[in-house]
Amino acid sequence: WCARREGVMEVAVQSKLAADPALRTLLLATAPHPLLSLKADRVWGVDPRKGGDNLLARLWERLREELLHRGGGGRGSDAP
């Protein structure tokens, strides 16, 4: 699972983006700021007291960068 989890989650996140155009707009509006997934799960998120890998937020950041480079979209842009 550890070797495949990011790929599995990436497919899930891409599906969420495809299903909800407003989510894409919201994600692009966060650029260029870093994202932080505050949760007790120390792999997918970050616990404020214990730390964590923040993999979910890193995945969203990576997809945001792909969207920005592929579509040239920025804040307020509706480019695919």
N, C-alpha and C. Protein backbone atom coordinates (compact mmCIF):
# COMPACT_ATOMS: atom_id res chain seq x y z
N TRP A 1 0.83 -1.19 0.00
CA TRP A 1 0.00 0.00 0.00
C TRP A 1 0.88 1.26 0.00
N CYS A 2 1.92 1.28 0.79
CA CYS A 2 2.76 2.47 0.89
C CYS A 2 3.31 2.90 -0.46
N ALA A 3 3.65 1.93 -1.30
CA ALA A 3 4.22 2.24 -2.62
C ALA A 3 3.16 2.76 -3.60
N ARG A 4 1.88 2.43 -3.35
CA ARG A 4 0.82 2.77 -4.30
C ARG A 4 -0.13 3.85 -3.82
N ARG A 5 -0.07 4.21 -2.56
CA ARG A 5 -1.09 5.09 -1.98
C ARG A 5 -1.19 6.46 -2.65
N GLU A 6 -0.06 7.06 -3.00
CA GLU A 6 -0.13 8.38 -3.63
C GLU A 6 -0.79 8.31 -5.00
N GLY A 7 -0.50 7.28 -5.77
CA GLY A 7 -1.12 7.12 -7.07
C GLY A 7 -2.62 6.90 -6.97
N VAL A 8 -3.02 6.11 -5.99
CA VAL A 8 -4.45 5.86 -5.77
C VAL A 8 -5.15 7.15 -5.37
N MET A 9 -4.55 7.90 -4.45
CA MET A 9 -5.15 9.15 -3.99
C MET A 9 -5.17 10.19 -5.10
N GLU A 10 -4.16 10.19 -5.96
CA GLU A 10 -4.14 11.14 -7.06
C GLU A 10 -5.32 10.91 -8.00
N VAL A 11 -5.62 9.66 -8.29
CA VAL A 11 -6.79 9.34 -9.13
C VAL A 11 -8.06 9.85 -8.46
N ALA A 12 -8.18 9.66 -7.16
CA ALA A 12 -9.36 10.11 -6.43
C ALA A 12 -9.50 11.64 -6.48
N VAL A 13 -8.40 12.34 -6.26
CA VAL A 13 -8.43 13.80 -6.26
C VAL A 13 -8.73 14.33 -7.66
N GLN A 14 -8.15 13.72 -8.68
CA GLN A 14 -8.44 14.13 -10.06
C GLN A 14 -9.92 13.91 -10.38
N SER A 15 -10.50 12.85 -9.87
CA SER A 15 -11.92 12.59 -10.07
C SER A 15 -12.76 13.67 -9.41
N LYS A 16 -12.36 14.09 -8.23
CA LYS A 16 -13.07 15.17 -7.54
C LYS A 16 -13.01 16.46 -8.35
N LEU A 17 -11.84 16.76 -8.89
CA LEU A 17 -11.69 17.97 -9.71
C LEU A 17 -12.55 17.90 -10.96
N ALA A 18 -12.60 16.75 -11.61
CA ALA A 18 -13.38 16.60 -12.82
C ALA A 18 -14.88 16.71 -12.54
N ALA A 19 -15.30 16.28 -11.36
CA ALA A 19 -16.73 16.27 -11.01
C ALA A 19 -17.23 17.64 -10.56
N ASP A 20 -16.35 18.51 -10.13
CA ASP A 20 -16.78 19.79 -9.56
C ASP A 20 -15.90 20.94 -10.06
N PRO A 21 -16.33 21.65 -11.11
CA PRO A 21 -15.53 22.76 -11.64
C PRO A 21 -15.25 23.85 -10.60
N ALA A 22 -16.14 24.02 -9.64
CA ALA A 22 -15.91 25.03 -8.61
C ALA A 22 -14.70 24.67 -7.75
N LEU A 23 -14.44 23.40 -7.58
CA LEU A 23 -13.28 22.97 -6.82
C LEU A 23 -11.99 23.36 -7.53
N ARG A 24 -11.98 23.23 -8.85
CA ARG A 24 -10.82 23.64 -9.63
C ARG A 24 -10.55 25.14 -9.45
N THR A 25 -11.61 25.93 -9.53
CA THR A 25 -11.48 27.37 -9.34
C THR A 25 -10.94 27.69 -7.96
N LEU A 26 -11.47 27.02 -6.95
CA LEU A 26 -11.01 27.23 -5.58
C LEU A 26 -9.54 26.84 -5.43
N LEU A 27 -9.15 25.71 -5.99
CA LEU A 27 -7.76 25.27 -5.91
C LEU A 27 -6.83 26.28 -6.57
N LEU A 28 -7.19 26.75 -7.74
CA LEU A 28 -6.34 27.72 -8.44
C LEU A 28 -6.24 29.03 -7.66
N ALA A 29 -7.28 29.38 -6.93
CA ALA A 29 -7.26 30.61 -6.15
C ALA A 29 -6.28 30.55 -4.98
N THR A 30 -5.85 29.36 -4.61
CA THR A 30 -4.89 29.23 -3.51
C THR A 30 -3.46 29.51 -3.94
N ALA A 31 -3.21 29.53 -5.25
CA ALA A 31 -1.85 29.73 -5.75
C ALA A 31 -1.37 31.13 -5.38
N PRO A 32 -0.15 31.30 -5.01
CA PRO A 32 0.97 30.37 -4.94
C PRO A 32 1.21 29.86 -3.52
N HIS A 33 0.22 29.93 -2.69
CA HIS A 33 0.40 29.61 -1.27
C HIS A 33 0.51 28.11 -1.01
N PRO A 34 1.31 27.72 -0.04
CA PRO A 34 1.39 26.31 0.34
C PRO A 34 0.09 25.87 1.00
N LEU A 35 -0.23 24.60 0.86
CA LEU A 35 -1.43 24.04 1.45
C LEU A 35 -1.05 23.18 2.64
N LEU A 36 -1.96 23.09 3.58
CA LEU A 36 -1.72 22.32 4.79
C LEU A 36 -2.99 21.55 5.12
N SER A 37 -2.87 20.26 5.27
CA SER A 37 -4.00 19.41 5.62
C SER A 37 -3.91 19.08 7.10
N LEU A 38 -4.63 19.85 7.91
CA LEU A 38 -4.59 19.64 9.35
C LEU A 38 -5.50 18.48 9.73
N LYS A 39 -4.91 17.40 10.14
CA LYS A 39 -5.65 16.22 10.58
C LYS A 39 -4.73 15.33 11.37
N ALA A 40 -5.34 14.46 12.14
CA ALA A 40 -4.56 13.57 13.00
C ALA A 40 -3.78 12.51 12.22
N ASP A 41 -4.15 12.29 10.98
CA ASP A 41 -3.45 11.31 10.13
C ASP A 41 -2.08 11.87 9.78
N ARG A 42 -1.04 11.24 10.27
CA ARG A 42 0.31 11.77 10.09
C ARG A 42 0.91 11.45 8.74
N VAL A 43 0.23 10.69 7.92
CA VAL A 43 0.70 10.44 6.56
C VAL A 43 0.06 11.46 5.61
N TRP A 44 -1.26 11.52 5.61
CA TRP A 44 -1.98 12.39 4.68
C TRP A 44 -2.06 13.83 5.15
N GLY A 45 -1.92 14.05 6.44
CA GLY A 45 -2.06 15.39 6.98
C GLY A 45 -0.92 15.75 7.91
N VAL A 46 -1.20 16.76 8.72
CA VAL A 46 -0.24 17.23 9.71
C VAL A 46 -0.98 17.44 11.02
N ASP A 47 -0.50 16.83 12.05
CA ASP A 47 -1.02 17.07 13.39
C ASP A 47 -0.21 18.23 13.95
N PRO A 48 -0.88 19.29 14.41
CA PRO A 48 -0.14 20.47 14.89
C PRO A 48 0.88 20.16 15.99
N ARG A 49 0.64 19.11 16.76
CA ARG A 49 1.56 18.79 17.86
C ARG A 49 2.57 17.70 17.50
N LYS A 50 2.19 16.81 16.57
CA LYS A 50 3.04 15.66 16.28
C LYS A 50 3.68 15.70 14.89
N GLY A 51 3.27 16.66 14.06
CA GLY A 51 3.81 16.74 12.71
C GLY A 51 3.14 15.76 11.77
N GLY A 52 3.72 15.58 10.61
CA GLY A 52 3.17 14.65 9.64
C GLY A 52 3.74 14.92 8.26
N ASP A 53 3.43 14.04 7.33
CA ASP A 53 3.98 14.14 5.97
C ASP A 53 3.21 15.09 5.06
N ASN A 54 1.93 15.36 5.38
CA ASN A 54 1.13 16.30 4.62
C ASN A 54 0.96 15.88 3.15
N LEU A 55 0.89 14.58 2.90
CA LEU A 55 0.85 14.09 1.52
C LEU A 55 -0.37 14.54 0.75
N LEU A 56 -1.52 14.66 1.40
CA LEU A 56 -2.72 15.09 0.69
C LEU A 56 -2.56 16.53 0.19
N ALA A 57 -2.08 17.41 1.02
CA ALA A 57 -1.87 18.79 0.60
C ALA A 57 -0.80 18.88 -0.49
N ARG A 58 0.24 18.09 -0.38
CA ARG A 58 1.28 18.08 -1.42
C ARG A 58 0.72 17.62 -2.76
N LEU A 59 -0.18 16.65 -2.70
CA LEU A 59 -0.82 16.17 -3.92
C LEU A 59 -1.68 17.27 -4.54
N TRP A 60 -2.47 17.97 -3.73
CA TRP A 60 -3.27 19.08 -4.24
C TRP A 60 -2.36 20.17 -4.83
N GLU A 61 -1.25 20.45 -4.19
CA GLU A 61 -0.32 21.45 -4.71
C GLU A 61 0.25 21.03 -6.07
N ARG A 62 0.59 19.75 -6.18
CA ARG A 62 1.14 19.25 -7.44
C ARG A 62 0.10 19.34 -8.55
N LEU A 63 -1.14 18.97 -8.26
CA LEU A 63 -2.20 19.08 -9.26
C LEU A 63 -2.48 20.54 -9.61
N ARG A 64 -2.40 21.40 -8.63
CA ARG A 64 -2.59 22.84 -8.90
C ARG A 64 -1.52 23.35 -9.86
N GLU A 65 -0.28 22.95 -9.63
CA GLU A 65 0.80 23.36 -10.53
C GLU A 65 0.58 22.83 -11.94
N GLU A 66 0.13 21.60 -12.06
CA GLU A 66 -0.16 21.04 -13.38
C GLU A 66 -1.25 21.83 -14.08
N LEU A 67 -2.30 22.19 -13.34
CA LEU A 67 -3.38 22.98 -13.93
C LEU A 67 -2.87 24.35 -14.38
N LEU A 68 -2.06 24.97 -13.56
CA LEU A 68 -1.52 26.29 -13.90
C LEU A 68 -0.64 26.23 -15.14
N HIS A 69 0.20 25.21 -15.24
CA HIS A 69 1.10 25.11 -16.38
C HIS A 69 0.40 24.63 -17.64
N ARG A 70 -0.55 23.74 -17.49
CA ARG A 70 -1.24 23.17 -18.65
C ARG A 70 -2.21 24.18 -19.25
N GLY A 71 -3.00 24.82 -18.39
CA GLY A 71 -4.05 25.69 -18.91
C GLY A 71 -3.72 27.16 -18.81
N GLY A 72 -2.60 27.48 -18.17
CA GLY A 72 -2.28 28.88 -18.00
C GLY A 72 -3.27 29.57 -17.08
N GLY A 73 -4.09 28.77 -16.39
CA GLY A 73 -5.12 29.35 -15.53
C GLY A 73 -4.52 29.98 -14.30
N GLY A 74 -5.08 31.04 -13.92
CA GLY A 74 -4.69 31.71 -12.69
C GLY A 74 -5.93 32.10 -11.96
N ARG A 75 -5.84 33.03 -11.10
CA ARG A 75 -7.01 33.48 -10.35
C ARG A 75 -8.04 34.03 -11.31
N GLY A 76 -9.24 33.52 -11.16
CA GLY A 76 -10.34 33.99 -11.97
C GLY A 76 -10.35 33.44 -13.37
N SER A 77 -9.41 32.64 -13.74
CA SER A 77 -9.35 32.09 -15.09
C SER A 77 -10.22 30.86 -15.20
N ASP A 78 -10.91 30.74 -16.31
CA ASP A 78 -11.71 29.53 -16.55
C ASP A 78 -11.08 28.67 -17.61
N ALA A 79 -9.81 28.90 -17.91
CA ALA A 79 -9.13 28.09 -18.93
C ALA A 79 -8.97 26.66 -18.44
N PRO A 80 -9.18 25.67 -19.33
CA PRO A 80 -9.03 24.26 -18.90
C PRO A 80 -7.59 23.90 -18.62
